[in-house]
N, C-alpha and C. Protein backbone atom coordinates (compact mmCIF):
# COMPACT_ATOMS: atom_id res chain seq x y z
N MET A 1 -4.82 -34.18 -75.83
CA MET A 1 -6.12 -33.79 -75.33
C MET A 1 -7.15 -34.87 -75.58
N ALA A 2 -7.08 -35.52 -76.75
CA ALA A 2 -8.02 -36.59 -77.08
C ALA A 2 -7.86 -37.77 -76.13
N GLU A 3 -6.60 -38.03 -75.72
CA GLU A 3 -6.36 -39.11 -74.78
C GLU A 3 -6.98 -38.81 -73.42
N LEU A 4 -6.91 -37.58 -72.99
CA LEU A 4 -7.48 -37.15 -71.72
C LEU A 4 -9.00 -37.29 -71.74
N VAL A 5 -9.62 -36.88 -72.85
CA VAL A 5 -11.07 -37.01 -73.00
C VAL A 5 -11.46 -38.48 -73.00
N ALA A 6 -10.71 -39.31 -73.71
CA ALA A 6 -11.00 -40.74 -73.77
C ALA A 6 -10.85 -41.36 -72.39
N SER A 7 -9.83 -40.96 -71.64
CA SER A 7 -9.61 -41.47 -70.29
C SER A 7 -10.76 -41.08 -69.36
N ASN A 8 -11.17 -39.81 -69.44
CA ASN A 8 -12.28 -39.34 -68.62
C ASN A 8 -13.58 -40.06 -68.97
N LYS A 9 -13.79 -40.29 -70.28
CA LYS A 9 -14.99 -40.99 -70.73
C LYS A 9 -15.00 -42.42 -70.19
N GLN A 10 -13.83 -43.06 -70.19
CA GLN A 10 -13.71 -44.42 -69.69
C GLN A 10 -14.00 -44.45 -68.19
N LYS A 11 -13.45 -43.48 -67.46
CA LYS A 11 -13.69 -43.38 -66.02
C LYS A 11 -15.17 -43.15 -65.73
N GLN A 12 -15.81 -42.30 -66.54
CA GLN A 12 -17.23 -42.02 -66.37
C GLN A 12 -18.06 -43.28 -66.60
N GLN A 13 -17.71 -44.05 -67.63
CA GLN A 13 -18.44 -45.29 -67.91
C GLN A 13 -18.26 -46.30 -66.77
N ALA A 14 -17.05 -46.39 -66.22
CA ALA A 14 -16.79 -47.30 -65.11
C ALA A 14 -17.61 -46.86 -63.89
N PHE A 15 -17.65 -45.54 -63.67
CA PHE A 15 -18.42 -45.00 -62.55
C PHE A 15 -19.91 -45.31 -62.73
N GLU A 16 -20.43 -45.08 -63.92
CA GLU A 16 -21.84 -45.34 -64.20
C GLU A 16 -22.16 -46.83 -64.04
N ALA A 17 -21.23 -47.71 -64.44
CA ALA A 17 -21.42 -49.14 -64.27
C ALA A 17 -21.47 -49.49 -62.78
N GLN A 18 -20.60 -48.87 -61.99
CA GLN A 18 -20.60 -49.12 -60.54
C GLN A 18 -21.90 -48.63 -59.90
N VAL A 19 -22.38 -47.47 -60.32
CA VAL A 19 -23.65 -46.94 -59.81
C VAL A 19 -24.79 -47.89 -60.15
N ALA A 20 -24.80 -48.43 -61.37
CA ALA A 20 -25.84 -49.37 -61.77
C ALA A 20 -25.80 -50.63 -60.92
N ILE A 21 -24.59 -51.12 -60.64
CA ILE A 21 -24.44 -52.30 -59.78
C ILE A 21 -24.98 -52.01 -58.38
N LEU A 22 -24.64 -50.85 -57.83
CA LEU A 22 -25.10 -50.48 -56.49
C LEU A 22 -26.62 -50.30 -56.44
N LYS A 23 -27.21 -49.72 -57.49
CA LYS A 23 -28.67 -49.58 -57.55
C LYS A 23 -29.33 -50.94 -57.58
N ASN A 24 -28.77 -51.87 -58.36
CA ASN A 24 -29.30 -53.22 -58.44
C ASN A 24 -29.21 -53.91 -57.08
N GLU A 25 -28.07 -53.75 -56.41
CA GLU A 25 -27.88 -54.35 -55.10
C GLU A 25 -28.85 -53.76 -54.08
N ARG A 26 -29.07 -52.45 -54.17
CA ARG A 26 -30.02 -51.81 -53.25
C ARG A 26 -31.42 -52.36 -53.46
N ALA A 27 -31.82 -52.55 -54.71
CA ALA A 27 -33.14 -53.11 -54.99
C ALA A 27 -33.28 -54.50 -54.39
N LYS A 28 -32.23 -55.32 -54.54
CA LYS A 28 -32.25 -56.67 -53.96
C LYS A 28 -32.38 -56.60 -52.43
N LEU A 29 -31.61 -55.69 -51.83
CA LEU A 29 -31.68 -55.55 -50.38
C LEU A 29 -33.05 -55.06 -49.92
N ASP A 30 -33.65 -54.14 -50.67
CA ASP A 30 -35.00 -53.68 -50.34
C ASP A 30 -36.00 -54.83 -50.37
N VAL A 31 -35.86 -55.71 -51.35
CA VAL A 31 -36.74 -56.88 -51.45
C VAL A 31 -36.53 -57.79 -50.24
N GLU A 32 -35.27 -58.03 -49.87
CA GLU A 32 -34.96 -58.89 -48.73
C GLU A 32 -35.50 -58.29 -47.43
N ILE A 33 -35.34 -56.99 -47.28
CA ILE A 33 -35.86 -56.33 -46.07
C ILE A 33 -37.38 -56.45 -46.04
N GLY A 34 -38.03 -56.28 -47.17
CA GLY A 34 -39.48 -56.43 -47.23
C GLY A 34 -39.92 -57.83 -46.84
N LYS A 35 -39.20 -58.85 -47.34
CA LYS A 35 -39.52 -60.24 -46.97
C LYS A 35 -39.35 -60.44 -45.46
N TYR A 36 -38.28 -59.91 -44.92
CA TYR A 36 -38.02 -60.05 -43.48
C TYR A 36 -39.12 -59.36 -42.68
N ALA A 37 -39.50 -58.15 -43.07
CA ALA A 37 -40.55 -57.43 -42.37
C ALA A 37 -41.87 -58.19 -42.44
N ASN A 38 -42.17 -58.77 -43.60
CA ASN A 38 -43.41 -59.54 -43.74
C ASN A 38 -43.40 -60.78 -42.85
N SER A 39 -42.26 -61.48 -42.80
CA SER A 39 -42.20 -62.69 -41.98
C SER A 39 -42.30 -62.35 -40.50
N THR A 40 -41.70 -61.24 -40.08
CA THR A 40 -41.83 -60.85 -38.67
C THR A 40 -43.24 -60.40 -38.36
N ALA A 41 -43.90 -59.75 -39.31
CA ALA A 41 -45.29 -59.33 -39.10
C ALA A 41 -46.20 -60.54 -38.95
N GLU A 42 -45.92 -61.59 -39.73
CA GLU A 42 -46.71 -62.82 -39.60
C GLU A 42 -46.52 -63.46 -38.24
N LEU A 43 -45.36 -63.28 -37.64
CA LEU A 43 -45.09 -63.83 -36.31
C LEU A 43 -45.58 -62.90 -35.20
N GLY A 44 -46.09 -61.74 -35.56
CA GLY A 44 -46.59 -60.79 -34.57
C GLY A 44 -45.52 -59.88 -34.02
N ILE A 45 -44.41 -59.77 -34.70
CA ILE A 45 -43.31 -58.90 -34.26
C ILE A 45 -43.33 -57.66 -35.14
N THR A 46 -43.34 -56.50 -34.50
CA THR A 46 -43.30 -55.26 -35.27
C THR A 46 -41.91 -54.66 -35.21
N ILE A 47 -41.47 -54.15 -36.33
CA ILE A 47 -40.16 -53.52 -36.42
C ILE A 47 -40.39 -52.03 -36.66
N GLU A 48 -39.83 -51.24 -35.74
CA GLU A 48 -39.95 -49.80 -35.88
C GLU A 48 -38.56 -49.19 -35.86
N ALA A 49 -38.37 -48.22 -36.67
CA ALA A 49 -37.09 -47.51 -36.66
C ALA A 49 -37.01 -46.67 -35.39
N SER A 50 -35.85 -46.68 -34.78
CA SER A 50 -35.66 -45.90 -33.57
C SER A 50 -35.63 -44.42 -33.92
N SER A 51 -36.31 -43.64 -33.10
CA SER A 51 -36.32 -42.20 -33.35
C SER A 51 -35.10 -41.51 -32.74
N GLN A 52 -34.32 -42.27 -31.95
CA GLN A 52 -33.16 -41.69 -31.30
C GLN A 52 -31.88 -42.32 -31.85
N THR A 53 -30.85 -41.51 -31.90
CA THR A 53 -29.54 -42.02 -32.28
C THR A 53 -28.96 -42.76 -31.07
N PRO A 54 -27.95 -43.59 -31.27
CA PRO A 54 -27.34 -44.27 -30.11
C PRO A 54 -26.84 -43.28 -29.05
N ALA A 55 -26.31 -42.16 -29.48
CA ALA A 55 -25.83 -41.16 -28.51
C ALA A 55 -27.01 -40.60 -27.70
N GLU A 56 -28.13 -40.36 -28.35
CA GLU A 56 -29.31 -39.87 -27.64
C GLU A 56 -29.85 -40.93 -26.70
N GLN A 57 -29.84 -42.19 -27.12
CA GLN A 57 -30.29 -43.27 -26.26
C GLN A 57 -29.39 -43.38 -25.03
N LEU A 58 -28.08 -43.26 -25.23
CA LEU A 58 -27.14 -43.33 -24.12
C LEU A 58 -27.35 -42.16 -23.16
N HIS A 59 -27.56 -40.98 -23.70
CA HIS A 59 -27.81 -39.81 -22.85
C HIS A 59 -29.10 -39.99 -22.04
N ALA A 60 -30.13 -40.53 -22.68
CA ALA A 60 -31.40 -40.76 -21.97
C ALA A 60 -31.20 -41.78 -20.85
N ARG A 61 -30.43 -42.84 -21.14
CA ARG A 61 -30.17 -43.85 -20.11
C ARG A 61 -29.36 -43.24 -18.96
N LEU A 62 -28.37 -42.41 -19.29
CA LEU A 62 -27.57 -41.74 -18.27
C LEU A 62 -28.45 -40.85 -17.40
N SER A 63 -29.38 -40.14 -18.02
CA SER A 63 -30.29 -39.27 -17.26
C SER A 63 -31.15 -40.10 -16.31
N ARG A 64 -31.65 -41.25 -16.79
CA ARG A 64 -32.47 -42.11 -15.92
C ARG A 64 -31.65 -42.64 -14.75
N VAL A 65 -30.40 -43.03 -15.00
CA VAL A 65 -29.55 -43.55 -13.93
C VAL A 65 -29.25 -42.46 -12.92
N GLN A 66 -28.95 -41.24 -13.39
CA GLN A 66 -28.69 -40.13 -12.48
C GLN A 66 -29.92 -39.82 -11.64
N GLN A 67 -31.10 -39.87 -12.26
CA GLN A 67 -32.34 -39.64 -11.52
C GLN A 67 -32.53 -40.71 -10.44
N GLU A 68 -32.25 -41.96 -10.79
CA GLU A 68 -32.39 -43.04 -9.82
C GLU A 68 -31.40 -42.87 -8.66
N ILE A 69 -30.18 -42.45 -8.98
CA ILE A 69 -29.19 -42.20 -7.93
C ILE A 69 -29.66 -41.08 -7.01
N ASN A 70 -30.21 -40.02 -7.58
CA ASN A 70 -30.73 -38.92 -6.77
C ASN A 70 -31.86 -39.39 -5.86
N GLU A 71 -32.76 -40.23 -6.40
CA GLU A 71 -33.85 -40.76 -5.60
C GLU A 71 -33.34 -41.64 -4.46
N LEU A 72 -32.33 -42.47 -4.76
CA LEU A 72 -31.76 -43.33 -3.72
C LEU A 72 -31.05 -42.50 -2.65
N ASN A 73 -30.35 -41.44 -3.06
CA ASN A 73 -29.72 -40.56 -2.08
C ASN A 73 -30.77 -39.90 -1.19
N GLN A 74 -31.90 -39.52 -1.78
CA GLN A 74 -32.99 -38.94 -1.00
C GLN A 74 -33.53 -39.96 0.00
N GLN A 75 -33.68 -41.20 -0.44
CA GLN A 75 -34.15 -42.24 0.46
C GLN A 75 -33.17 -42.47 1.61
N ILE A 76 -31.87 -42.42 1.31
CA ILE A 76 -30.85 -42.58 2.35
C ILE A 76 -30.96 -41.47 3.38
N GLN A 77 -31.15 -40.24 2.90
CA GLN A 77 -31.30 -39.11 3.82
C GLN A 77 -32.54 -39.28 4.69
N GLU A 78 -33.64 -39.73 4.09
CA GLU A 78 -34.86 -39.94 4.86
C GLU A 78 -34.67 -41.05 5.89
N ILE A 79 -33.98 -42.12 5.52
CA ILE A 79 -33.73 -43.22 6.45
C ILE A 79 -32.81 -42.74 7.57
N ASP A 80 -31.78 -41.98 7.24
CA ASP A 80 -30.89 -41.44 8.27
C ASP A 80 -31.66 -40.58 9.26
N SER A 81 -32.57 -39.76 8.76
CA SER A 81 -33.37 -38.92 9.63
C SER A 81 -34.27 -39.76 10.53
N ALA A 82 -34.90 -40.78 9.93
CA ALA A 82 -35.78 -41.65 10.71
C ALA A 82 -34.99 -42.42 11.77
N VAL A 83 -33.79 -42.88 11.43
CA VAL A 83 -32.96 -43.60 12.39
C VAL A 83 -32.54 -42.67 13.51
N ALA A 84 -32.19 -41.43 13.17
CA ALA A 84 -31.79 -40.47 14.20
C ALA A 84 -32.94 -40.19 15.15
N VAL A 85 -34.14 -40.03 14.62
CA VAL A 85 -35.31 -39.79 15.48
C VAL A 85 -35.57 -41.01 16.35
N ALA A 86 -35.51 -42.19 15.76
CA ALA A 86 -35.75 -43.42 16.52
C ALA A 86 -34.69 -43.62 17.59
N ALA A 87 -33.45 -43.27 17.29
CA ALA A 87 -32.37 -43.43 18.27
C ALA A 87 -32.55 -42.49 19.45
N ARG A 88 -33.04 -41.29 19.19
CA ARG A 88 -33.28 -40.34 20.28
C ARG A 88 -34.42 -40.82 21.18
N ARG A 89 -35.40 -41.48 20.61
CA ARG A 89 -36.56 -41.94 21.38
C ARG A 89 -36.35 -43.30 22.03
N SER A 90 -35.36 -44.03 21.59
CA SER A 90 -35.16 -45.41 22.03
C SER A 90 -34.60 -45.46 23.46
N PRO A 91 -35.15 -46.36 24.29
CA PRO A 91 -34.60 -46.55 25.64
C PRO A 91 -33.36 -47.46 25.62
N MET A 92 -33.04 -48.01 24.47
CA MET A 92 -31.89 -48.90 24.35
C MET A 92 -30.60 -48.11 24.54
N PRO A 93 -29.53 -48.79 24.97
CA PRO A 93 -28.25 -48.09 25.08
C PRO A 93 -27.82 -47.56 23.72
N LYS A 94 -27.16 -46.45 23.74
CA LYS A 94 -26.75 -45.80 22.49
C LYS A 94 -25.58 -46.55 21.89
N ILE A 95 -25.81 -47.18 20.74
CA ILE A 95 -24.77 -47.90 20.00
C ILE A 95 -24.64 -47.22 18.64
N SER A 96 -23.43 -46.94 18.26
CA SER A 96 -23.23 -46.33 16.96
C SER A 96 -23.30 -47.39 15.88
N TRP A 97 -24.25 -47.24 14.98
CA TRP A 97 -24.42 -48.18 13.87
C TRP A 97 -23.72 -47.68 12.62
N ARG A 98 -23.17 -46.49 12.69
CA ARG A 98 -22.52 -45.94 11.50
C ARG A 98 -21.43 -46.86 10.93
N PRO A 99 -20.54 -47.43 11.76
CA PRO A 99 -19.53 -48.33 11.17
C PRO A 99 -20.17 -49.53 10.47
N ARG A 100 -21.22 -50.07 11.06
CA ARG A 100 -21.89 -51.23 10.45
C ARG A 100 -22.58 -50.82 9.15
N ILE A 101 -23.25 -49.67 9.16
CA ILE A 101 -23.93 -49.19 7.95
C ILE A 101 -22.89 -48.90 6.86
N ALA A 102 -21.79 -48.27 7.25
CA ALA A 102 -20.73 -47.98 6.27
C ALA A 102 -20.16 -49.27 5.69
N GLU A 103 -20.00 -50.28 6.55
CA GLU A 103 -19.46 -51.55 6.07
C GLU A 103 -20.42 -52.20 5.08
N LEU A 104 -21.70 -52.15 5.38
CA LEU A 104 -22.69 -52.76 4.49
C LEU A 104 -22.76 -52.02 3.16
N THR A 105 -22.65 -50.70 3.18
CA THR A 105 -22.79 -49.93 1.95
C THR A 105 -21.52 -49.87 1.13
N THR A 106 -20.37 -50.17 1.74
CA THR A 106 -19.11 -50.12 0.99
C THR A 106 -18.55 -51.50 0.73
N GLY A 107 -19.30 -52.53 1.02
CA GLY A 107 -18.84 -53.88 0.73
C GLY A 107 -17.73 -54.35 1.65
N GLY A 108 -17.72 -53.87 2.89
CA GLY A 108 -16.73 -54.33 3.85
C GLY A 108 -15.45 -53.53 3.85
N TRP A 109 -15.41 -52.42 3.13
CA TRP A 109 -14.19 -51.63 3.05
C TRP A 109 -14.22 -50.44 4.01
N ALA A 110 -15.11 -50.46 4.97
CA ALA A 110 -15.21 -49.34 5.91
C ALA A 110 -14.05 -49.39 6.90
N ARG A 111 -13.70 -48.23 7.44
CA ARG A 111 -12.67 -48.17 8.47
C ARG A 111 -13.22 -48.81 9.74
N PRO A 112 -12.37 -49.51 10.49
CA PRO A 112 -12.84 -50.04 11.77
C PRO A 112 -13.06 -48.89 12.74
N PRO A 113 -13.94 -49.06 13.73
CA PRO A 113 -14.18 -47.98 14.68
C PRO A 113 -12.91 -47.70 15.48
N LYS A 114 -12.79 -46.47 15.95
CA LYS A 114 -11.64 -46.09 16.75
C LYS A 114 -11.67 -46.87 18.07
N ARG A 115 -10.50 -47.12 18.59
CA ARG A 115 -10.44 -47.80 19.88
C ARG A 115 -11.08 -46.91 20.93
N GLY A 116 -11.83 -47.52 21.81
CA GLY A 116 -12.49 -46.76 22.85
C GLY A 116 -13.82 -46.21 22.41
N CYS A 117 -14.18 -46.41 21.13
CA CYS A 117 -15.44 -45.89 20.61
C CYS A 117 -16.60 -46.71 21.15
N HIS A 118 -16.37 -48.02 21.33
CA HIS A 118 -17.40 -48.91 21.84
C HIS A 118 -16.82 -49.68 23.02
N SER A 119 -17.69 -50.13 23.87
CA SER A 119 -17.24 -50.98 24.95
C SER A 119 -16.94 -52.36 24.37
N ALA A 120 -16.27 -53.21 25.15
CA ALA A 120 -15.94 -54.56 24.69
C ALA A 120 -17.21 -55.33 24.37
N THR A 121 -18.26 -55.13 25.15
CA THR A 121 -19.53 -55.82 24.92
C THR A 121 -20.14 -55.37 23.60
N GLU A 122 -20.10 -54.06 23.35
CA GLU A 122 -20.65 -53.54 22.10
C GLU A 122 -19.85 -54.05 20.91
N ARG A 123 -18.50 -54.10 21.03
CA ARG A 123 -17.68 -54.60 19.93
C ARG A 123 -17.97 -56.06 19.64
N SER A 124 -18.14 -56.87 20.69
CA SER A 124 -18.44 -58.28 20.45
C SER A 124 -19.84 -58.43 19.85
N ALA A 125 -20.79 -57.57 20.22
CA ALA A 125 -22.13 -57.63 19.63
C ALA A 125 -22.08 -57.25 18.15
N ILE A 126 -21.27 -56.26 17.84
CA ILE A 126 -21.13 -55.85 16.44
C ILE A 126 -20.46 -56.96 15.64
N LYS A 127 -19.42 -57.57 16.21
CA LYS A 127 -18.75 -58.67 15.51
C LYS A 127 -19.70 -59.85 15.28
N SER A 128 -20.53 -60.14 16.28
CA SER A 128 -21.48 -61.26 16.09
C SER A 128 -22.51 -60.92 15.00
N ASP A 129 -22.85 -59.64 14.87
CA ASP A 129 -23.77 -59.23 13.80
C ASP A 129 -23.11 -59.43 12.44
N LEU A 130 -21.80 -59.25 12.38
CA LEU A 130 -21.09 -59.36 11.11
C LEU A 130 -20.98 -60.80 10.66
N ILE A 131 -21.00 -61.72 11.57
CA ILE A 131 -20.81 -63.13 11.22
C ILE A 131 -22.07 -63.78 10.76
């Protein structure tokens, strides 16, 4: 039993020594952080702790991106409506721009128009627009 008590006492002393070392190290780090904060303040840089965790920051960024996507989709719908109205009012021959718009928005991966969808003149005009 005496050996067990002596062993526990030795472990406790080792633990207390480690805690003292860590407290000393923390004090040194606090001093270094203070020096860094003072030097940045002299340069006109302010350091503020973030009020959000990285997960919260990521969620906020995701929300902003989703909002931007929704706004862009709304703009696309408005443009489609305006193009449809303009196409109905236009005296120009009716040319389908959907394949060209799809190609521009998908980086050239759009399906080619079906055969017979455009006249040869319209196809050559579309090809010249692509070049």
